[in-house]
Structures are given as structure tokens and as C-alpha cells.
N, C-alpha and C. Protein backbone atom coordinates (compact mmCIF):
# COMPACT_ATOMS: atom_id res chain seq x y z
N UNK A 1 155.24 142.56 102.12
CA UNK A 1 154.49 143.73 102.00
C UNK A 1 153.90 144.07 103.38
N UNK A 2 153.96 145.38 103.59
CA UNK A 2 153.50 145.77 104.97
C UNK A 2 152.04 146.21 104.77
N UNK A 3 151.14 145.76 105.81
CA UNK A 3 149.88 146.24 105.78
C UNK A 3 149.72 147.40 106.72
N UNK A 4 148.80 148.21 106.29
CA UNK A 4 148.43 149.50 107.15
C UNK A 4 147.44 148.95 108.19
N UNK A 5 147.67 149.42 109.54
CA UNK A 5 146.73 149.05 110.55
C UNK A 5 145.49 149.67 110.48
N UNK A 6 144.33 148.94 110.87
CA UNK A 6 143.04 149.39 110.73
C UNK A 6 142.86 150.47 111.89
N UNK A 7 142.30 151.69 111.61
CA UNK A 7 141.88 152.60 112.67
C UNK A 7 140.50 152.48 112.96
N UNK A 8 139.99 152.26 114.13
CA UNK A 8 138.72 152.08 114.58
C UNK A 8 138.25 153.32 115.23
N UNK A 9 137.09 153.89 114.94
CA UNK A 9 136.53 155.02 115.50
C UNK A 9 135.12 154.80 115.79
N UNK A 10 134.63 155.63 116.69
CA UNK A 10 133.15 155.87 116.93
C UNK A 10 132.92 157.37 116.98
N UNK A 11 131.88 157.77 116.36
CA UNK A 11 131.44 159.10 116.24
C UNK A 11 130.12 159.17 117.09
N UNK A 12 130.03 160.05 118.07
CA UNK A 12 128.81 160.32 118.90
C UNK A 12 128.16 161.57 118.12
N UNK A 13 126.93 161.27 117.77
CA UNK A 13 126.13 162.36 116.99
C UNK A 13 124.97 162.77 117.83
N UNK A 14 124.94 164.13 117.74
CA UNK A 14 123.64 164.74 118.53
C UNK A 14 122.96 165.73 117.57
N UNK A 15 121.58 165.30 117.26
CA UNK A 15 120.63 166.26 116.59
C UNK A 15 119.90 167.02 117.66
N UNK A 16 120.01 168.18 117.70
CA UNK A 16 119.08 168.95 118.83
C UNK A 16 117.61 168.95 118.27
N UNK A 17 116.88 169.41 119.10
CA UNK A 17 115.39 169.54 118.81
C UNK A 17 115.34 170.61 117.76
N UNK A 18 114.53 170.16 116.73
CA UNK A 18 114.42 171.17 115.58
C UNK A 18 115.28 171.03 114.44
N UNK A 19 116.17 170.01 114.74
CA UNK A 19 117.30 169.64 113.63
C UNK A 19 116.54 169.19 112.42
N UNK A 20 116.91 169.71 111.12
CA UNK A 20 116.26 169.17 109.98
C UNK A 20 116.59 167.72 109.62
N UNK A 21 115.50 167.11 109.17
CA UNK A 21 115.82 165.72 108.53
C UNK A 21 115.72 165.71 107.22
N UNK A 22 116.18 164.74 106.55
CA UNK A 22 116.42 164.47 105.11
C UNK A 22 115.08 164.30 104.44
N UNK A 23 113.92 164.09 105.15
CA UNK A 23 112.59 164.01 104.47
C UNK A 23 111.84 165.45 104.50
N UNK A 24 112.59 166.48 104.92
CA UNK A 24 111.92 167.90 104.94
C UNK A 24 111.27 168.22 106.22
N UNK A 25 111.16 167.22 107.23
CA UNK A 25 110.57 167.49 108.59
C UNK A 25 111.81 167.87 109.48
N UNK A 26 111.35 168.22 110.66
CA UNK A 26 112.50 168.41 111.66
C UNK A 26 112.23 167.42 112.92
N UNK A 27 113.32 167.35 113.59
CA UNK A 27 113.28 166.50 114.86
C UNK A 27 112.49 167.14 115.94
N UNK A 28 111.43 166.45 116.29
CA UNK A 28 110.54 167.01 117.46
C UNK A 28 111.24 167.13 118.92
N UNK A 29 112.27 166.09 119.00
CA UNK A 29 112.78 166.04 120.36
C UNK A 29 114.33 166.02 120.36
N UNK A 30 114.93 165.73 119.28
CA UNK A 30 116.29 165.65 119.19
C UNK A 30 116.66 164.15 119.16
N UNK A 31 117.83 163.79 118.82
CA UNK A 31 118.30 162.36 118.72
C UNK A 31 119.85 162.31 118.91
N UNK A 32 120.28 161.05 119.46
CA UNK A 32 121.51 160.78 119.62
C UNK A 32 121.86 159.42 119.23
N UNK A 33 123.05 159.26 118.54
CA UNK A 33 123.29 158.03 117.91
C UNK A 33 124.80 157.98 117.72
N UNK A 34 125.27 156.67 117.47
CA UNK A 34 126.71 156.30 117.13
C UNK A 34 126.94 156.02 115.59
N UNK A 35 128.03 156.37 115.13
CA UNK A 35 128.42 155.95 113.65
C UNK A 35 129.79 155.22 113.97
N UNK A 36 129.79 154.02 113.45
CA UNK A 36 131.13 153.26 113.52
C UNK A 36 131.99 153.66 112.25
N UNK A 37 133.27 153.36 112.44
CA UNK A 37 134.27 153.67 111.33
C UNK A 37 133.89 152.84 110.18
N UNK A 38 133.14 151.91 110.36
CA UNK A 38 132.77 151.22 108.99
C UNK A 38 131.62 151.71 108.23
N UNK A 39 131.11 152.87 108.84
CA UNK A 39 130.00 153.62 108.04
C UNK A 39 128.67 153.18 108.62
N UNK A 40 128.57 152.35 109.54
CA UNK A 40 127.07 151.97 110.06
C UNK A 40 126.91 152.85 111.14
N UNK A 41 125.53 153.14 111.24
CA UNK A 41 125.11 153.94 112.47
C UNK A 41 124.12 153.04 113.32
N UNK A 42 124.18 153.42 114.57
CA UNK A 42 123.37 152.63 115.57
C UNK A 42 122.73 153.62 116.50
N UNK A 43 121.32 153.51 116.76
CA UNK A 43 120.78 154.41 117.73
C UNK A 43 119.52 153.48 118.21
N UNK A 44 118.79 154.18 118.95
CA UNK A 44 117.59 153.59 119.46
C UNK A 44 116.44 154.51 119.66
N UNK A 45 115.24 154.09 119.10
CA UNK A 45 114.09 154.89 119.14
C UNK A 45 112.71 154.06 119.40
N UNK A 46 111.64 154.57 119.23
CA UNK A 46 110.40 153.99 119.47
C UNK A 46 110.24 152.58 118.82
N UNK A 47 110.90 152.43 117.66
CA UNK A 47 110.64 151.23 117.03
C UNK A 47 111.78 150.14 117.34
N UNK A 48 112.58 150.67 118.27
CA UNK A 48 113.79 149.75 118.71
C UNK A 48 115.01 150.23 118.18
N UNK A 49 115.95 149.47 117.99
CA UNK A 49 117.31 149.77 117.45
C UNK A 49 117.22 150.31 115.90
N UNK A 50 118.01 151.33 115.76
CA UNK A 50 117.90 151.95 114.31
C UNK A 50 119.12 151.75 113.70
N UNK A 51 119.30 151.74 112.35
CA UNK A 51 120.53 151.52 111.75
C UNK A 51 120.81 152.48 110.79
N UNK A 52 119.87 153.46 110.41
CA UNK A 52 120.18 154.37 109.35
C UNK A 52 120.13 155.89 109.79
N UNK A 53 120.47 156.03 111.02
CA UNK A 53 120.32 157.53 111.60
C UNK A 53 121.02 158.52 110.72
N UNK A 54 122.29 158.12 110.15
CA UNK A 54 123.06 159.06 109.37
C UNK A 54 122.32 159.57 108.24
N UNK A 55 121.47 158.60 107.61
CA UNK A 55 120.73 159.01 106.54
C UNK A 55 119.45 159.83 106.82
N UNK A 56 118.99 159.67 108.06
CA UNK A 56 117.67 160.44 108.44
C UNK A 56 117.81 161.90 108.89
N UNK A 57 119.07 162.32 109.27
CA UNK A 57 119.34 163.70 109.70
C UNK A 57 120.21 164.31 108.79
N UNK A 58 119.97 165.67 108.50
CA UNK A 58 120.80 166.45 107.61
C UNK A 58 122.16 166.51 108.45
N UNK A 59 123.24 166.38 107.67
CA UNK A 59 124.48 166.33 108.30
C UNK A 59 125.04 167.76 108.80
N UNK A 60 124.56 168.80 108.12
CA UNK A 60 124.97 170.20 108.57
C UNK A 60 124.39 170.54 109.92
N UNK A 61 125.21 170.99 110.77
CA UNK A 61 124.70 171.50 112.07
C UNK A 61 124.68 170.43 113.11
N UNK A 62 124.86 169.12 112.81
CA UNK A 62 124.92 168.04 113.84
C UNK A 62 125.98 168.38 114.82
N UNK A 63 125.85 168.04 116.02
CA UNK A 63 126.96 167.95 117.01
C UNK A 63 127.72 166.63 116.99
N UNK A 64 128.97 166.66 116.72
CA UNK A 64 129.63 165.33 116.64
C UNK A 64 130.88 165.41 117.37
N UNK A 65 131.30 164.22 117.92
CA UNK A 65 132.71 163.94 118.48
C UNK A 65 133.13 162.60 118.05
N UNK A 66 134.29 162.54 117.50
CA UNK A 66 134.90 161.19 117.04
C UNK A 66 135.96 160.76 118.06
N UNK A 67 136.09 159.46 118.44
CA UNK A 67 136.86 158.79 119.31
C UNK A 67 137.59 157.70 118.64
N UNK A 68 138.88 157.57 118.80
CA UNK A 68 139.50 156.43 118.37
C UNK A 68 139.39 155.25 119.35
N UNK A 69 139.16 153.96 118.86
CA UNK A 69 138.94 152.84 119.69
C UNK A 69 140.13 151.79 119.55
N UNK A 70 140.31 150.97 120.52
CA UNK A 70 141.04 149.74 120.20
C UNK A 70 140.17 148.68 119.35
N UNK A 71 140.88 147.90 118.88
CA UNK A 71 140.18 146.87 118.17
C UNK A 71 139.23 146.07 119.22
N UNK A 72 139.49 145.90 120.32
CA UNK A 72 138.74 145.22 121.50
C UNK A 72 137.43 146.07 121.67
N UNK A 73 137.68 147.36 121.94
CA UNK A 73 136.50 148.29 122.08
C UNK A 73 135.54 148.34 120.91
N UNK A 74 136.16 148.21 119.72
CA UNK A 74 135.27 148.29 118.46
C UNK A 74 134.51 146.86 118.43
N UNK A 75 135.02 145.88 118.79
CA UNK A 75 134.32 144.59 118.79
C UNK A 75 133.29 144.51 119.81
N UNK A 76 133.44 145.23 120.91
CA UNK A 76 132.53 145.38 122.02
C UNK A 76 131.27 146.16 121.44
N UNK A 77 131.62 147.25 120.71
CA UNK A 77 130.46 148.05 120.10
C UNK A 77 129.69 147.06 119.20
N UNK A 78 130.43 146.33 118.30
CA UNK A 78 129.68 145.66 117.49
C UNK A 78 128.85 144.50 118.31
N UNK A 79 129.34 144.04 119.35
CA UNK A 79 128.47 143.21 120.10
C UNK A 79 127.27 143.78 120.68
N UNK A 80 127.37 145.07 121.16
CA UNK A 80 126.41 145.94 121.70
C UNK A 80 125.32 145.96 120.67
N UNK A 81 125.69 146.43 119.45
CA UNK A 81 124.77 146.74 118.35
C UNK A 81 123.99 145.35 117.96
N UNK A 82 124.74 144.21 117.92
CA UNK A 82 124.10 143.12 117.41
C UNK A 82 123.27 142.30 118.35
N UNK A 83 123.38 142.78 119.72
CA UNK A 83 122.67 141.98 120.82
C UNK A 83 121.80 143.13 121.66
N UNK A 84 121.05 143.81 121.05
CA UNK A 84 120.27 144.89 121.87
C UNK A 84 119.42 144.42 122.95
N UNK A 85 118.81 143.17 122.85
CA UNK A 85 118.03 142.67 123.91
C UNK A 85 118.91 142.37 125.21
N UNK A 86 120.17 142.05 125.15
CA UNK A 86 121.09 141.74 126.03
C UNK A 86 121.19 142.90 127.01
N UNK A 87 121.06 144.19 126.52
CA UNK A 87 121.13 145.35 127.14
C UNK A 87 119.86 146.18 127.41
N UNK A 88 118.74 145.48 127.21
CA UNK A 88 117.49 146.21 127.41
C UNK A 88 116.96 147.18 126.39
N UNK A 89 117.46 146.95 125.25
CA UNK A 89 117.06 147.83 124.12
C UNK A 89 116.25 147.16 122.95
N UNK A 90 115.42 146.22 123.29
CA UNK A 90 114.53 145.73 122.21
C UNK A 90 113.43 146.58 121.88
N UNK A 91 112.82 146.36 120.85
CA UNK A 91 111.52 147.05 120.44
C UNK A 91 110.47 147.14 121.55
N UNK A 92 109.77 148.11 121.86
CA UNK A 92 108.79 148.15 122.73
C UNK A 92 109.31 148.45 124.13
N UNK A 93 110.66 148.70 124.29
CA UNK A 93 111.12 149.03 125.62
C UNK A 93 111.49 150.48 125.80
N UNK A 94 111.29 151.23 124.69
CA UNK A 94 111.70 152.71 124.69
C UNK A 94 110.83 153.56 125.67
N UNK A 95 111.54 154.22 126.61
CA UNK A 95 110.85 155.03 127.47
C UNK A 95 111.73 156.34 127.55
N UNK A 96 110.96 157.42 127.15
CA UNK A 96 111.77 158.69 127.22
C UNK A 96 112.28 159.01 128.56
N UNK A 97 113.56 159.53 128.51
CA UNK A 97 114.22 159.84 129.76
C UNK A 97 114.80 158.70 130.58
N UNK A 98 114.31 157.42 130.33
CA UNK A 98 114.71 156.37 131.21
C UNK A 98 115.40 155.24 130.31
N UNK A 99 114.97 154.98 129.12
CA UNK A 99 115.46 153.98 128.15
C UNK A 99 115.31 154.48 126.84
N UNK A 100 116.10 155.43 126.53
CA UNK A 100 115.86 156.13 125.12
C UNK A 100 117.20 156.34 124.46
N UNK A 101 117.37 157.07 123.40
CA UNK A 101 118.48 157.02 122.59
C UNK A 101 119.81 157.63 123.34
N UNK A 102 119.52 158.30 124.30
CA UNK A 102 120.72 158.91 125.21
C UNK A 102 121.32 157.67 125.96
N UNK A 103 120.37 157.05 126.64
CA UNK A 103 120.77 155.90 127.33
C UNK A 103 121.40 154.85 126.57
N UNK A 104 120.88 154.58 125.37
CA UNK A 104 121.40 153.69 124.53
C UNK A 104 123.08 153.93 124.11
N UNK A 105 123.21 155.25 123.99
CA UNK A 105 124.62 155.68 123.43
C UNK A 105 125.56 155.60 124.68
N UNK A 106 125.07 156.13 125.84
CA UNK A 106 125.78 156.05 127.02
C UNK A 106 126.18 154.52 127.41
N UNK A 107 125.18 153.82 127.36
CA UNK A 107 125.44 152.39 127.81
C UNK A 107 126.26 151.61 126.78
N UNK A 108 126.28 152.04 125.64
CA UNK A 108 127.23 151.48 124.60
C UNK A 108 128.56 151.89 124.89
N UNK A 109 128.69 153.19 125.36
CA UNK A 109 129.96 153.71 125.51
C UNK A 109 130.59 153.12 127.02
N UNK A 110 129.69 153.02 127.87
CA UNK A 110 130.22 152.25 129.16
C UNK A 110 130.50 150.91 128.91
N UNK A 111 129.74 150.19 128.10
CA UNK A 111 130.08 148.83 127.74
C UNK A 111 131.51 148.52 127.05
N UNK A 112 131.92 149.67 126.31
CA UNK A 112 133.15 149.62 125.70
C UNK A 112 134.41 150.20 126.51
N UNK A 113 133.99 150.56 127.68
CA UNK A 113 134.96 151.19 128.61
C UNK A 113 135.39 152.54 128.18
N UNK A 114 134.63 153.33 127.46
CA UNK A 114 134.91 154.60 127.03
C UNK A 114 134.55 155.59 128.03
N UNK A 115 133.48 155.30 128.73
CA UNK A 115 132.92 156.21 129.70
C UNK A 115 132.73 155.43 130.99
N UNK A 116 133.13 156.22 132.11
CA UNK A 116 132.88 155.76 133.47
C UNK A 116 131.60 155.76 133.91
N UNK A 117 130.98 154.62 134.29
CA UNK A 117 129.61 154.65 134.73
C UNK A 117 129.13 155.70 135.72
N UNK A 118 130.10 156.06 136.61
CA UNK A 118 129.82 157.17 137.56
C UNK A 118 129.64 158.55 136.88
N UNK A 119 130.34 158.63 135.74
CA UNK A 119 130.18 160.00 134.83
C UNK A 119 128.89 159.89 134.40
N UNK A 120 128.31 158.77 133.86
CA UNK A 120 126.95 158.56 133.38
C UNK A 120 125.87 159.04 134.38
N UNK A 121 126.05 158.51 135.56
CA UNK A 121 125.09 158.82 136.72
C UNK A 121 125.19 160.27 137.08
N UNK A 122 126.33 160.84 137.04
CA UNK A 122 126.40 162.39 137.31
C UNK A 122 125.74 163.12 136.20
N UNK A 123 126.15 162.70 134.92
CA UNK A 123 125.55 163.31 133.92
C UNK A 123 124.06 163.32 133.87
N UNK A 124 123.50 162.11 134.31
CA UNK A 124 121.94 162.01 134.21
C UNK A 124 121.45 162.83 135.42
N UNK A 125 121.97 162.85 136.61
CA UNK A 125 121.32 163.58 137.71
C UNK A 125 121.70 165.05 137.76
N UNK A 126 122.91 165.41 137.38
CA UNK A 126 123.31 166.83 137.67
C UNK A 126 123.08 167.72 136.38
N UNK A 127 123.46 167.07 135.25
CA UNK A 127 123.32 167.94 133.95
C UNK A 127 121.92 167.93 133.53
N UNK A 128 121.17 167.00 133.90
CA UNK A 128 119.66 167.02 133.58
C UNK A 128 119.55 166.84 131.93
N UNK A 129 120.34 166.15 131.35
CA UNK A 129 120.20 165.73 130.03
C UNK A 129 120.15 166.96 129.01
N UNK A 130 120.98 167.98 129.39
CA UNK A 130 121.08 169.11 128.38
C UNK A 130 121.79 168.71 127.09
N UNK A 131 121.42 169.39 126.07
CA UNK A 131 122.19 169.01 124.69
C UNK A 131 123.64 169.10 124.92
N UNK A 132 124.51 168.43 124.17
CA UNK A 132 125.96 168.38 124.22
C UNK A 132 126.59 169.61 123.54
N UNK A 133 126.26 170.77 124.14
CA UNK A 133 126.77 172.00 123.61
C UNK A 133 128.27 172.07 123.33
N UNK A 134 128.91 171.32 124.04
CA UNK A 134 130.34 171.20 123.96
C UNK A 134 130.95 170.40 122.77
N UNK A 135 130.02 169.76 122.17
CA UNK A 135 130.38 169.02 120.93
C UNK A 135 130.56 170.07 119.63
N UNK A 136 131.62 169.98 118.98
CA UNK A 136 131.69 170.63 117.78
C UNK A 136 130.49 170.47 116.86
N UNK A 137 130.09 171.60 116.30
CA UNK A 137 128.95 171.75 115.38
C UNK A 137 129.58 171.59 113.85
N UNK A 138 128.95 170.80 113.18
CA UNK A 138 129.44 170.70 111.70
C UNK A 138 128.62 171.52 110.83
């Protein structure tokens, strides 16, 4: 019996400022996080690493892009998620614009070799952290 190969993906999610949350409030500053193909989400906020971002934000209107991963890249993301302190993302280290949800996602993507670190530096310095308007809106 032949087995179907597992497909690994990561979805990068962006909720812009004012995006509705499931509790009836809206995002005061926006948020960025990752959803893995196993359904778990991972982000970073004031309280440290978060794991329920998909349940916090209304799905309609999010900007999302999905990328296929190799098994090795997927395992690297799991390592990043499970060892946040190794990458400087433990509770109490959140600093807007310097160590925040955007940095968390970018550093996870760099660690998995999905993003070139030079691209991250250019993004940070030239684009000035503008919302990902090129991401498709759901």
C-alpha cells in the first residue's frame, strides 16, 4: 500500500490595525503570526509567545500567504516555536518595532531559510514596516 506524502505549509497572517477580533474588539496596532499545516499558530506579543492567534482574529479580511515547506524546514519551524528563548522571544522581551510580532515571524522565516536575512534588513530599513498590502485578502 502506497502512502501519500505529507505536505508541509506555513501561512503568514497579517491583521492590520483595526482588524476585528473574535471577542468583539479590534486590533489596536495590528498583528502578524504564522499558522502551520498541523493547524497550530505561533506569534509573539506582550505576554510572550502566543499559540492561539487564529482563534483571536476574525478570519475574514486577514492578509495571508501560504508557502510550501520541506520537512526539514517544517521541523526548523517547530524548533523555533518550541524554543523561543533561544531566539530572544521569551515573555518580558517584547519591544515594539525592535522585538515584536513582525520580528518573530521574520526571524522564524530566516531560521527556516525561507527569507534571506538581507531581505529582512532591507524590509526593516526601507519599507519602514508598512502592512503587507501585497498579501491576498481573505
